[in-house]
Amino acid sequence: MDASGIQHFFPEISEAQLTQFQALRSVYDHWNSQINVISRKDTENFYERHVLHSLAIAKVVQFIPGTKVLDIGTGGGFPGIPLAILFPECHFTLIDSIGKKIKVVKEVTHELNLKNVTAIHGRAEEIKGEFDFVVSRAVTQMQEFTQWTKGKISAKHKNSLQNGILYLKGGDLTEELKQFKKAQLYPINTYFPFEFFETKVVVYLPGK
């Protein structure tokens, strides 16, 4: 799959956005050769396993302009950067505790001229302010993750979905989510019919 596959699943994207998605692969290839943020196996399936996986969140909710999103443990910029391309009128704060990964995020956002991304080297607990949604891709167990998001989710809702957590997870989550009665699971393979997504979901947990 290449960048045109993104357009197949998101036909509303502009030519400028398609160009940005097309540029992503070469930019990541360049930086990944210097600072390893994506495994070699995943690099070969870049658009499916990183970009499309990130964009599964956009199938659950279409962020309206002005939405503020926090990406905790962003690594090399996922899901934050693909979402920032898709929603240019929203603001994304990407944080990771590993400095070299945030360096890659900053370089990618600079090369793609993404004005709606702030990249921070630090820990989630240190972030000040409130956000409409907190997103992430399987950085830890949900119980620990919710501790990191305390006080960070705004009570003022403006999207079709109540503010909260949108978490990309995989495997059997029965035990992990047992205490989270309000958690809703959205199977990603209903949006993208690839084998890679068969056991993967977007977990939505509304804020209080």
N, C-alpha and C. Protein backbone atom coordinates (compact mmCIF):
# COMPACT_ATOMS: atom_id res chain seq x y z
N MET A 1 0.83 -1.20 0.00
CA MET A 1 0.00 0.00 0.00
C MET A 1 0.87 1.25 0.00
N ASP A 2 0.47 2.26 -0.81
CA ASP A 2 1.18 3.54 -0.81
C ASP A 2 0.23 4.64 -0.35
N ALA A 3 0.64 5.90 -0.53
CA ALA A 3 -0.16 7.01 -0.02
C ALA A 3 -1.53 7.11 -0.68
N SER A 4 -1.65 6.61 -1.92
CA SER A 4 -2.94 6.67 -2.59
C SER A 4 -3.99 5.83 -1.85
N GLY A 5 -3.51 4.84 -1.08
CA GLY A 5 -4.42 4.05 -0.26
C GLY A 5 -5.11 4.88 0.81
N ILE A 6 -4.43 5.91 1.28
CA ILE A 6 -5.03 6.82 2.27
C ILE A 6 -6.22 7.53 1.63
N GLN A 7 -6.02 7.96 0.40
CA GLN A 7 -7.09 8.66 -0.32
C GLN A 7 -8.30 7.75 -0.56
N HIS A 8 -8.04 6.48 -0.74
CA HIS A 8 -9.13 5.52 -0.94
C HIS A 8 -10.04 5.48 0.29
N PHE A 9 -9.45 5.49 1.48
CA PHE A 9 -10.23 5.40 2.71
C PHE A 9 -10.70 6.78 3.21
N PHE A 10 -10.03 7.83 2.75
CA PHE A 10 -10.39 9.21 3.13
C PHE A 10 -10.48 10.06 1.85
N PRO A 11 -11.52 9.84 1.05
CA PRO A 11 -11.61 10.52 -0.25
C PRO A 11 -11.76 12.04 -0.15
N GLU A 12 -12.06 12.53 1.05
CA GLU A 12 -12.25 13.97 1.22
C GLU A 12 -10.94 14.75 1.31
N ILE A 13 -9.81 14.07 1.43
CA ILE A 13 -8.55 14.82 1.60
C ILE A 13 -8.21 15.62 0.34
N SER A 14 -7.54 16.75 0.56
CA SER A 14 -7.16 17.63 -0.54
C SER A 14 -5.87 17.14 -1.19
N GLU A 15 -5.55 17.75 -2.32
CA GLU A 15 -4.29 17.40 -3.01
C GLU A 15 -3.10 17.76 -2.13
N ALA A 16 -3.22 18.87 -1.40
CA ALA A 16 -2.12 19.29 -0.50
C ALA A 16 -1.91 18.25 0.60
N GLN A 17 -3.00 17.72 1.15
CA GLN A 17 -2.88 16.70 2.18
C GLN A 17 -2.30 15.40 1.61
N LEU A 18 -2.75 15.04 0.40
CA LEU A 18 -2.21 13.84 -0.24
C LEU A 18 -0.70 13.98 -0.45
N THR A 19 -0.28 15.16 -0.86
CA THR A 19 1.16 15.43 -1.06
C THR A 19 1.92 15.26 0.25
N GLN A 20 1.33 15.72 1.35
CA GLN A 20 1.98 15.56 2.66
C GLN A 20 2.07 14.09 3.05
N PHE A 21 1.00 13.35 2.82
CA PHE A 21 1.03 11.92 3.12
C PHE A 21 2.07 11.20 2.25
N GLN A 22 2.18 11.61 1.00
CA GLN A 22 3.17 11.00 0.10
C GLN A 22 4.59 11.30 0.58
N ALA A 23 4.80 12.51 1.10
CA ALA A 23 6.13 12.92 1.56
C ALA A 23 6.54 12.21 2.85
N LEU A 24 5.56 11.77 3.64
CA LEU A 24 5.85 11.16 4.94
C LEU A 24 6.85 10.02 4.83
N ARG A 25 6.65 9.14 3.87
CA ARG A 25 7.47 7.93 3.77
C ARG A 25 8.95 8.28 3.60
N SER A 26 9.26 9.16 2.67
CA SER A 26 10.67 9.48 2.42
C SER A 26 11.29 10.23 3.60
N VAL A 27 10.49 11.08 4.25
CA VAL A 27 11.01 11.82 5.41
C VAL A 27 11.33 10.85 6.54
N TYR A 28 10.43 9.90 6.79
CA TYR A 28 10.68 8.91 7.84
C TYR A 28 11.82 7.96 7.47
N ASP A 29 11.90 7.59 6.20
CA ASP A 29 13.01 6.74 5.77
C ASP A 29 14.35 7.42 6.06
N HIS A 30 14.40 8.72 5.77
CA HIS A 30 15.63 9.49 5.99
C HIS A 30 15.99 9.52 7.48
N TRP A 31 15.02 9.87 8.33
CA TRP A 31 15.32 10.01 9.75
C TRP A 31 15.47 8.67 10.45
N ASN A 32 14.76 7.68 9.96
CA ASN A 32 14.85 6.35 10.57
C ASN A 32 16.22 5.73 10.36
N SER A 33 16.90 6.12 9.29
CA SER A 33 18.25 5.59 9.04
C SER A 33 19.25 6.16 10.04
N GLN A 34 18.90 7.31 10.65
CA GLN A 34 19.79 7.95 11.63
C GLN A 34 19.38 7.66 13.07
N ILE A 35 18.06 7.72 13.31
CA ILE A 35 17.52 7.49 14.64
C ILE A 35 16.39 6.48 14.47
N ASN A 36 16.59 5.27 14.94
CA ASN A 36 15.62 4.21 14.68
C ASN A 36 14.33 4.39 15.49
N VAL A 37 13.26 4.81 14.81
CA VAL A 37 11.97 4.96 15.50
C VAL A 37 10.92 4.00 14.94
N ILE A 38 11.22 3.37 13.82
CA ILE A 38 10.30 2.40 13.20
C ILE A 38 11.11 1.15 12.84
N SER A 39 10.58 -0.03 13.20
CA SER A 39 11.30 -1.25 12.88
C SER A 39 11.35 -1.46 11.36
N ARG A 40 12.38 -2.17 10.89
CA ARG A 40 12.55 -2.39 9.45
C ARG A 40 11.33 -3.08 8.84
N LYS A 41 10.78 -4.05 9.56
CA LYS A 41 9.61 -4.78 9.08
C LYS A 41 8.42 -3.83 8.88
N ASP A 42 8.25 -2.93 9.84
CA ASP A 42 7.14 -1.98 9.75
C ASP A 42 7.37 -0.91 8.70
N THR A 43 8.63 -0.60 8.42
CA THR A 43 8.95 0.38 7.39
C THR A 43 8.43 -0.08 6.03
N GLU A 44 8.52 -1.38 5.79
CA GLU A 44 8.04 -1.93 4.52
C GLU A 44 6.52 -1.82 4.39
N ASN A 45 5.83 -1.73 5.53
CA ASN A 45 4.37 -1.58 5.54
C ASN A 45 3.98 -0.25 6.19
N PHE A 46 4.74 0.77 5.87
CA PHE A 46 4.63 2.06 6.55
C PHE A 46 3.21 2.63 6.53
N TYR A 47 2.60 2.70 5.35
CA TYR A 47 1.29 3.35 5.26
C TYR A 47 0.20 2.55 5.95
N GLU A 48 0.30 1.25 5.92
CA GLU A 48 -0.72 0.43 6.57
C GLU A 48 -0.54 0.44 8.08
N ARG A 49 0.68 0.12 8.54
CA ARG A 49 0.89 -0.13 9.97
C ARG A 49 1.11 1.13 10.82
N HIS A 50 1.41 2.23 10.17
CA HIS A 50 1.64 3.47 10.93
C HIS A 50 0.63 4.55 10.59
N VAL A 51 0.53 4.87 9.31
CA VAL A 51 -0.34 5.98 8.93
C VAL A 51 -1.81 5.59 9.04
N LEU A 52 -2.22 4.52 8.37
CA LEU A 52 -3.62 4.11 8.40
C LEU A 52 -4.04 3.71 9.82
N HIS A 53 -3.16 3.03 10.53
CA HIS A 53 -3.45 2.66 11.92
C HIS A 53 -3.76 3.91 12.75
N SER A 54 -2.95 4.94 12.60
CA SER A 54 -3.17 6.20 13.31
C SER A 54 -4.53 6.82 12.95
N LEU A 55 -4.85 6.74 11.66
CA LEU A 55 -6.06 7.39 11.16
C LEU A 55 -7.35 6.64 11.51
N ALA A 56 -7.22 5.46 12.10
CA ALA A 56 -8.42 4.75 12.57
C ALA A 56 -9.19 5.61 13.55
N ILE A 57 -8.49 6.44 14.29
CA ILE A 57 -9.13 7.35 15.26
C ILE A 57 -10.10 8.29 14.54
N ALA A 58 -9.74 8.68 13.31
CA ALA A 58 -10.58 9.60 12.54
C ALA A 58 -11.86 8.93 12.03
N LYS A 59 -11.91 7.60 12.09
CA LYS A 59 -13.14 6.88 11.73
C LYS A 59 -14.11 6.84 12.91
N VAL A 60 -13.57 7.05 14.10
CA VAL A 60 -14.40 7.07 15.30
C VAL A 60 -14.98 8.46 15.55
N VAL A 61 -14.17 9.48 15.31
CA VAL A 61 -14.63 10.87 15.46
C VAL A 61 -13.89 11.77 14.48
N GLN A 62 -14.66 12.64 13.85
CA GLN A 62 -14.07 13.67 12.98
C GLN A 62 -13.90 14.93 13.82
N PHE A 63 -12.68 15.25 14.19
CA PHE A 63 -12.43 16.42 15.04
C PHE A 63 -12.88 17.69 14.32
N ILE A 64 -13.64 18.53 15.01
CA ILE A 64 -14.05 19.80 14.41
C ILE A 64 -12.91 20.81 14.57
N PRO A 65 -12.86 21.85 13.72
CA PRO A 65 -11.81 22.87 13.85
C PRO A 65 -11.74 23.43 15.26
N GLY A 66 -10.52 23.62 15.73
CA GLY A 66 -10.30 24.15 17.07
C GLY A 66 -10.13 23.10 18.15
N THR A 67 -10.32 21.83 17.78
CA THR A 67 -10.14 20.74 18.75
C THR A 67 -8.67 20.64 19.17
N LYS A 68 -8.45 20.44 20.45
CA LYS A 68 -7.09 20.29 20.99
C LYS A 68 -6.86 18.83 21.38
N VAL A 69 -5.79 18.25 20.84
CA VAL A 69 -5.52 16.83 21.05
C VAL A 69 -4.12 16.65 21.63
N LEU A 70 -4.01 15.81 22.65
CA LEU A 70 -2.72 15.47 23.26
C LEU A 70 -2.37 14.03 22.91
N ASP A 71 -1.19 13.84 22.33
CA ASP A 71 -0.70 12.50 21.99
C ASP A 71 0.41 12.13 22.98
N ILE A 72 0.08 11.22 23.89
CA ILE A 72 1.03 10.82 24.94
C ILE A 72 1.85 9.62 24.48
N GLY A 73 3.17 9.71 24.64
CA GLY A 73 4.05 8.62 24.22
C GLY A 73 4.04 8.46 22.71
N THR A 74 4.16 9.58 22.03
CA THR A 74 4.00 9.63 20.57
C THR A 74 5.07 8.85 19.80
N GLY A 75 6.21 8.56 20.46
CA GLY A 75 7.28 7.86 19.74
C GLY A 75 7.78 8.70 18.58
N GLY A 76 7.73 8.14 17.38
CA GLY A 76 8.16 8.90 16.21
C GLY A 76 7.09 9.81 15.64
N GLY A 77 5.94 9.90 16.31
CA GLY A 77 4.90 10.82 15.86
C GLY A 77 3.58 10.17 15.51
N PHE A 78 3.31 9.01 16.10
CA PHE A 78 2.07 8.30 15.79
C PHE A 78 1.25 8.06 17.06
N PRO A 79 -0.04 8.36 17.00
CA PRO A 79 -0.86 8.73 15.85
C PRO A 79 -0.89 10.22 15.51
N GLY A 80 -0.19 11.04 16.26
CA GLY A 80 -0.33 12.49 16.15
C GLY A 80 -0.09 13.10 14.78
N ILE A 81 1.01 12.75 14.12
CA ILE A 81 1.33 13.41 12.85
C ILE A 81 0.32 13.08 11.74
N PRO A 82 -0.03 11.82 11.50
CA PRO A 82 -1.06 11.58 10.48
C PRO A 82 -2.38 12.29 10.78
N LEU A 83 -2.76 12.34 12.05
CA LEU A 83 -3.99 13.04 12.43
C LEU A 83 -3.86 14.54 12.20
N ALA A 84 -2.68 15.08 12.45
CA ALA A 84 -2.45 16.52 12.23
C ALA A 84 -2.55 16.88 10.75
N ILE A 85 -2.12 15.97 9.89
CA ILE A 85 -2.26 16.20 8.44
C ILE A 85 -3.74 16.17 8.06
N LEU A 86 -4.47 15.21 8.61
CA LEU A 86 -5.88 15.05 8.27
C LEU A 86 -6.75 16.18 8.81
N PHE A 87 -6.37 16.72 9.97
CA PHE A 87 -7.16 17.79 10.61
C PHE A 87 -6.30 19.04 10.80
N PRO A 88 -6.04 19.78 9.72
CA PRO A 88 -5.12 20.93 9.80
C PRO A 88 -5.62 22.08 10.66
N GLU A 89 -6.93 22.12 10.95
CA GLU A 89 -7.48 23.22 11.75
C GLU A 89 -7.61 22.85 13.23
N CYS A 90 -7.05 21.71 13.60
CA CYS A 90 -7.00 21.30 15.01
C CYS A 90 -5.55 21.40 15.48
N HIS A 91 -5.36 21.46 16.79
CA HIS A 91 -3.99 21.54 17.31
C HIS A 91 -3.61 20.27 18.05
N PHE A 92 -2.40 19.79 17.76
CA PHE A 92 -1.91 18.53 18.33
C PHE A 92 -0.64 18.78 19.14
N THR A 93 -0.64 18.34 20.38
CA THR A 93 0.54 18.38 21.23
C THR A 93 1.06 16.96 21.36
N LEU A 94 2.29 16.74 20.91
CA LEU A 94 2.90 15.40 20.92
C LEU A 94 4.00 15.38 21.96
N ILE A 95 3.91 14.44 22.89
CA ILE A 95 4.91 14.38 23.97
C ILE A 95 5.49 12.97 24.06
N ASP A 96 6.80 12.92 24.33
CA ASP A 96 7.46 11.64 24.57
C ASP A 96 8.64 11.90 25.50
N SER A 97 8.94 10.90 26.34
CA SER A 97 10.04 11.07 27.31
C SER A 97 11.40 10.79 26.69
N ILE A 98 11.42 10.27 25.45
CA ILE A 98 12.70 9.96 24.79
C ILE A 98 13.05 11.08 23.81
N GLY A 99 14.10 11.79 24.12
CA GLY A 99 14.48 12.98 23.36
C GLY A 99 14.72 12.76 21.87
N LYS A 100 15.38 11.65 21.52
CA LYS A 100 15.70 11.44 20.10
C LYS A 100 14.44 11.20 19.27
N LYS A 101 13.41 10.65 19.90
CA LYS A 101 12.15 10.45 19.17
C LYS A 101 11.46 11.79 18.92
N ILE A 102 11.49 12.66 19.90
CA ILE A 102 10.90 13.99 19.73
C ILE A 102 11.70 14.79 18.70
N LYS A 103 13.00 14.56 18.62
CA LYS A 103 13.81 15.21 17.58
C LYS A 103 13.28 14.83 16.19
N VAL A 104 12.97 13.56 16.00
CA VAL A 104 12.41 13.10 14.72
C VAL A 104 11.06 13.78 14.47
N VAL A 105 10.21 13.82 15.48
CA VAL A 105 8.90 14.47 15.35
C VAL A 105 9.07 15.92 14.91
N LYS A 106 9.99 16.63 15.53
CA LYS A 106 10.21 18.04 15.18
C LYS A 106 10.71 18.19 13.75
N GLU A 107 11.60 17.31 13.34
CA GLU A 107 12.12 17.38 11.97
C GLU A 107 11.03 17.07 10.94
N VAL A 108 10.22 16.06 11.24
CA VAL A 108 9.13 15.70 10.33
C VAL A 108 8.12 16.84 10.20
N THR A 109 7.73 17.42 11.33
CA THR A 109 6.75 18.52 11.28
C THR A 109 7.33 19.73 10.54
N HIS A 110 8.63 19.95 10.70
CA HIS A 110 9.28 21.06 9.99
C HIS A 110 9.31 20.81 8.48
N GLU A 111 9.70 19.60 8.10
CA GLU A 111 9.82 19.30 6.67
C GLU A 111 8.46 19.26 5.98
N LEU A 112 7.42 18.91 6.71
CA LEU A 112 6.07 18.89 6.13
C LEU A 112 5.33 20.21 6.34
N ASN A 113 6.00 21.13 7.02
CA ASN A 113 5.42 22.45 7.29
C ASN A 113 4.09 22.35 8.04
N LEU A 114 4.06 21.48 9.05
CA LEU A 114 2.85 21.32 9.87
C LEU A 114 2.85 22.38 10.97
N LYS A 115 1.97 23.34 10.83
CA LYS A 115 1.92 24.46 11.77
C LYS A 115 1.06 24.15 13.00
N ASN A 116 0.37 23.01 12.96
CA ASN A 116 -0.58 22.70 14.04
C ASN A 116 -0.07 21.62 14.99
N VAL A 117 1.26 21.47 15.04
CA VAL A 117 1.86 20.45 15.91
C VAL A 117 2.87 21.10 16.86
N THR A 118 2.77 20.78 18.14
CA THR A 118 3.77 21.15 19.13
C THR A 118 4.39 19.86 19.66
N ALA A 119 5.71 19.75 19.58
CA ALA A 119 6.40 18.54 20.05
C ALA A 119 7.16 18.85 21.33
N ILE A 120 6.96 18.02 22.34
CA ILE A 120 7.55 18.28 23.65
C ILE A 120 8.30 17.04 24.14
N HIS A 121 9.54 17.27 24.59
CA HIS A 121 10.31 16.20 25.23
C HIS A 121 10.02 16.27 26.72
N GLY A 122 9.33 15.28 27.25
CA GLY A 122 9.00 15.30 28.67
C GLY A 122 8.05 14.17 29.02
N ARG A 123 7.53 14.25 30.22
CA ARG A 123 6.61 13.23 30.71
C ARG A 123 5.18 13.79 30.71
N ALA A 124 4.24 12.90 30.50
CA ALA A 124 2.84 13.32 30.40
C ALA A 124 2.38 14.08 31.64
N GLU A 125 2.86 13.65 32.81
CA GLU A 125 2.44 14.27 34.06
C GLU A 125 2.82 15.75 34.13
N GLU A 126 3.82 16.14 33.35
CA GLU A 126 4.32 17.52 33.40
C GLU A 126 3.51 18.49 32.52
N ILE A 127 2.68 17.94 31.65
CA ILE A 127 1.93 18.78 30.72
C ILE A 127 0.85 19.57 31.45
N LYS A 128 0.79 20.87 31.17
CA LYS A 128 -0.23 21.73 31.77
C LYS A 128 -1.33 21.98 30.73
N GLY A 129 -2.50 22.35 31.22
CA GLY A 129 -3.59 22.70 30.32
C GLY A 129 -4.54 21.54 30.08
N GLU A 130 -5.64 21.85 29.39
CA GLU A 130 -6.67 20.85 29.12
C GLU A 130 -6.82 20.63 27.62
N PHE A 131 -7.26 19.42 27.29
CA PHE A 131 -7.41 19.02 25.89
C PHE A 131 -8.78 18.37 25.70
N ASP A 132 -9.24 18.37 24.47
CA ASP A 132 -10.52 17.72 24.18
C ASP A 132 -10.35 16.20 24.17
N PHE A 133 -9.26 15.76 23.57
CA PHE A 133 -9.01 14.32 23.50
C PHE A 133 -7.54 14.01 23.79
N VAL A 134 -7.32 12.87 24.41
CA VAL A 134 -5.97 12.34 24.59
C VAL A 134 -5.89 11.07 23.74
N VAL A 135 -4.90 11.01 22.87
CA VAL A 135 -4.73 9.84 22.00
C VAL A 135 -3.39 9.17 22.30
N SER A 136 -3.29 7.90 21.91
CA SER A 136 -2.03 7.19 22.09
C SER A 136 -2.10 5.85 21.37
N ARG A 137 -0.94 5.24 21.27
CA ARG A 137 -0.88 3.93 20.62
C ARG A 137 -0.14 2.96 21.53
N ALA A 138 -0.94 2.27 22.37
CA ALA A 138 -0.46 1.15 23.19
C ALA A 138 0.87 1.39 23.91
N VAL A 139 0.94 2.50 24.66
CA VAL A 139 2.18 2.76 25.40
C VAL A 139 2.22 2.05 26.76
N THR A 140 1.03 1.77 27.32
CA THR A 140 0.98 1.10 28.62
C THR A 140 -0.43 0.57 28.85
N GLN A 141 -0.65 -0.07 30.00
CA GLN A 141 -1.97 -0.56 30.37
C GLN A 141 -2.91 0.63 30.61
N MET A 142 -4.19 0.42 30.33
CA MET A 142 -5.16 1.51 30.45
C MET A 142 -5.20 2.11 31.86
N GLN A 143 -5.05 1.28 32.88
CA GLN A 143 -5.11 1.79 34.25
C GLN A 143 -4.02 2.83 34.51
N GLU A 144 -2.82 2.54 34.07
CA GLU A 144 -1.72 3.50 34.24
C GLU A 144 -1.93 4.71 33.34
N PHE A 145 -2.39 4.44 32.12
CA PHE A 145 -2.58 5.54 31.16
C PHE A 145 -3.58 6.57 31.67
N THR A 146 -4.67 6.11 32.28
CA THR A 146 -5.66 7.05 32.79
C THR A 146 -5.09 7.93 33.91
N GLN A 147 -4.12 7.41 34.64
CA GLN A 147 -3.46 8.22 35.68
C GLN A 147 -2.70 9.38 35.02
N TRP A 148 -2.08 9.10 33.89
CA TRP A 148 -1.31 10.13 33.18
C TRP A 148 -2.21 11.24 32.64
N THR A 149 -3.48 10.91 32.38
CA THR A 149 -4.38 11.89 31.75
C THR A 149 -5.19 12.69 32.76
N LYS A 150 -5.03 12.42 34.03
CA LYS A 150 -5.84 13.09 35.06
C LYS A 150 -5.69 14.61 34.97
N GLY A 151 -6.84 15.28 34.97
CA GLY A 151 -6.84 16.74 34.93
C GLY A 151 -6.54 17.34 33.57
N LYS A 152 -6.41 16.50 32.56
CA LYS A 152 -6.01 17.00 31.23
C LYS A 152 -7.15 17.01 30.21
N ILE A 153 -8.29 16.44 30.58
CA ILE A 153 -9.42 16.36 29.63
C ILE A 153 -10.47 17.40 30.00
N SER A 154 -10.72 18.31 29.07
CA SER A 154 -11.66 19.41 29.30
C SER A 154 -13.09 18.90 29.46
N ALA A 155 -13.85 19.58 30.31
CA ALA A 155 -15.26 19.21 30.53
C ALA A 155 -16.17 19.90 29.53
N LYS A 156 -15.60 20.80 28.70
CA LYS A 156 -16.41 21.51 27.69
C LYS A 156 -16.34 20.74 26.37
N HIS A 157 -17.47 20.14 26.00
CA HIS A 157 -17.51 19.27 24.82
C HIS A 157 -17.99 20.05 23.59
N LYS A 158 -17.35 19.80 22.44
CA LYS A 158 -17.79 20.46 21.20
C LYS A 158 -17.84 19.50 20.02
N ASN A 159 -17.28 18.31 20.17
CA ASN A 159 -17.31 17.33 19.09
C ASN A 159 -18.53 16.42 19.22
N SER A 160 -18.77 15.59 18.20
CA SER A 160 -19.89 14.66 18.23
C SER A 160 -19.71 13.60 19.31
N LEU A 161 -18.46 13.38 19.68
CA LEU A 161 -18.12 12.43 20.74
C LEU A 161 -17.71 13.22 21.97
N GLN A 162 -18.17 12.79 23.13
CA GLN A 162 -17.76 13.45 24.37
C GLN A 162 -16.24 13.38 24.52
N ASN A 163 -15.65 14.44 25.06
CA ASN A 163 -14.20 14.46 25.27
C ASN A 163 -13.75 13.22 26.05
N GLY A 164 -12.52 12.76 25.75
CA GLY A 164 -12.02 11.59 26.46
C GLY A 164 -10.76 11.03 25.83
N ILE A 165 -10.55 9.74 26.04
CA ILE A 165 -9.35 9.04 25.56
C ILE A 165 -9.71 8.23 24.33
N LEU A 166 -8.84 8.28 23.33
CA LEU A 166 -8.94 7.44 22.13
C LEU A 166 -7.62 6.69 22.03
N TYR A 167 -7.67 5.40 22.31
CA TYR A 167 -6.44 4.62 22.52
C TYR A 167 -6.37 3.46 21.53
N LEU A 168 -5.32 3.39 20.76
CA LEU A 168 -5.11 2.30 19.80
C LEU A 168 -4.51 1.10 20.54
N LYS A 169 -5.26 0.01 20.59
CA LYS A 169 -4.81 -1.17 21.32
C LYS A 169 -5.06 -2.43 20.49
N GLY A 170 -4.45 -3.54 20.92
CA GLY A 170 -4.63 -4.80 20.22
C GLY A 170 -4.73 -5.97 21.18
N GLY A 171 -5.23 -7.10 20.67
CA GLY A 171 -5.31 -8.31 21.48
C GLY A 171 -6.56 -8.36 22.35
N ASP A 172 -6.57 -9.32 23.27
CA ASP A 172 -7.71 -9.51 24.17
C ASP A 172 -7.61 -8.50 25.32
N LEU A 173 -8.56 -7.58 25.38
CA LEU A 173 -8.52 -6.51 26.37
C LEU A 173 -9.51 -6.73 27.52
N THR A 174 -10.10 -7.90 27.57
CA THR A 174 -11.15 -8.19 28.56
C THR A 174 -10.70 -7.87 29.98
N GLU A 175 -9.56 -8.39 30.37
CA GLU A 175 -9.06 -8.19 31.73
C GLU A 175 -8.63 -6.75 31.96
N GLU A 176 -7.92 -6.20 31.00
CA GLU A 176 -7.40 -4.84 31.14
C GLU A 176 -8.51 -3.80 31.28
N LEU A 177 -9.62 -4.02 30.59
CA LEU A 177 -10.69 -3.01 30.59
C LEU A 177 -11.84 -3.35 31.54
N LYS A 178 -11.66 -4.39 32.34
CA LYS A 178 -12.74 -4.86 33.22
C LYS A 178 -13.27 -3.76 34.13
N GLN A 179 -12.38 -2.92 34.63
CA GLN A 179 -12.82 -1.87 35.56
C GLN A 179 -13.34 -0.63 34.86
N PHE A 180 -13.19 -0.59 33.52
CA PHE A 180 -13.62 0.59 32.76
C PHE A 180 -14.94 0.30 32.06
N LYS A 181 -16.03 0.44 32.81
CA LYS A 181 -17.36 0.05 32.33
C LYS A 181 -17.82 0.90 31.14
N LYS A 182 -17.33 2.12 31.05
CA LYS A 182 -17.78 3.02 29.98
C LYS A 182 -16.95 2.88 28.70
N ALA A 183 -15.92 2.05 28.73
CA ALA A 183 -15.06 1.90 27.55
C ALA A 183 -15.84 1.30 26.37
N GLN A 184 -15.64 1.89 25.20
CA GLN A 184 -16.26 1.39 23.97
C GLN A 184 -15.16 0.98 23.01
N LEU A 185 -15.35 -0.18 22.37
CA LEU A 185 -14.32 -0.70 21.45
C LEU A 185 -14.80 -0.61 20.00
N TYR A 186 -13.95 -0.06 19.16
CA TYR A 186 -14.24 0.06 17.73
C TYR A 186 -13.23 -0.78 16.96
N PRO A 187 -13.63 -1.95 16.43
CA PRO A 187 -12.69 -2.80 15.70
C PRO A 187 -12.21 -2.12 14.41
N ILE A 188 -10.90 -2.02 14.27
CA ILE A 188 -10.33 -1.28 13.14
C ILE A 188 -10.55 -2.00 11.81
N ASN A 189 -10.66 -3.32 11.85
CA ASN A 189 -10.84 -4.02 10.56
C ASN A 189 -12.20 -3.78 9.93
N THR A 190 -13.11 -3.11 10.66
CA THR A 190 -14.38 -2.72 10.04
C THR A 190 -14.20 -1.50 9.15
N TYR A 191 -13.13 -0.76 9.38
CA TYR A 191 -12.82 0.42 8.56
C TYR A 191 -11.79 0.09 7.47
N PHE A 192 -10.80 -0.70 7.85
CA PHE A 192 -9.69 -1.03 6.95
C PHE A 192 -9.55 -2.56 6.89
N PRO A 193 -9.96 -3.20 5.79
CA PRO A 193 -9.98 -4.67 5.74
C PRO A 193 -8.62 -5.31 5.46
N PHE A 194 -7.69 -5.11 6.40
CA PHE A 194 -6.37 -5.71 6.27
C PHE A 194 -6.15 -6.69 7.44
N GLU A 195 -5.41 -7.74 7.18
CA GLU A 195 -5.15 -8.75 8.20
C GLU A 195 -4.50 -8.15 9.44
N PHE A 196 -3.63 -7.16 9.24
CA PHE A 196 -2.91 -6.51 10.34
C PHE A 196 -3.87 -5.97 11.41
N PHE A 197 -5.07 -5.56 10.99
CA PHE A 197 -6.01 -4.92 11.92
C PHE A 197 -7.01 -5.87 12.56
N GLU A 198 -6.88 -7.15 12.31
CA GLU A 198 -7.89 -8.12 12.77
C GLU A 198 -8.11 -8.11 14.28
N THR A 199 -7.06 -7.90 15.05
CA THR A 199 -7.21 -7.91 16.51
C THR A 199 -7.04 -6.52 17.12
N LYS A 200 -7.04 -5.49 16.27
CA LYS A 200 -6.77 -4.14 16.75
C LYS A 200 -8.06 -3.31 16.83
N VAL A 201 -8.11 -2.48 17.86
CA VAL A 201 -9.29 -1.65 18.11
C VAL A 201 -8.89 -0.23 18.49
N VAL A 202 -9.87 0.66 18.37
CA VAL A 202 -9.76 1.97 19.00
C VAL A 202 -10.60 1.87 20.28
N VAL A 203 -9.96 2.08 21.43
CA VAL A 203 -10.69 2.09 22.70
C VAL A 203 -11.06 3.55 23.00
N TYR A 204 -12.34 3.78 23.16
CA TYR A 204 -12.81 5.12 23.53
C TYR A 204 -13.29 5.10 24.97
N LEU A 205 -12.71 5.98 25.77
CA LEU A 205 -13.10 6.10 27.17
C LEU A 205 -13.49 7.55 27.43
N PRO A 206 -14.79 7.82 27.59
CA PRO A 206 -15.21 9.21 27.81
C PRO A 206 -14.65 9.78 29.10
N GLY A 207 -14.36 11.07 29.09
CA GLY A 207 -13.86 11.72 30.30
C GLY A 207 -14.98 11.88 31.30
N LYS A 208 -14.64 12.26 32.50
CA LYS A 208 -15.67 12.40 33.55
C LYS A 208 -16.43 13.71 33.41
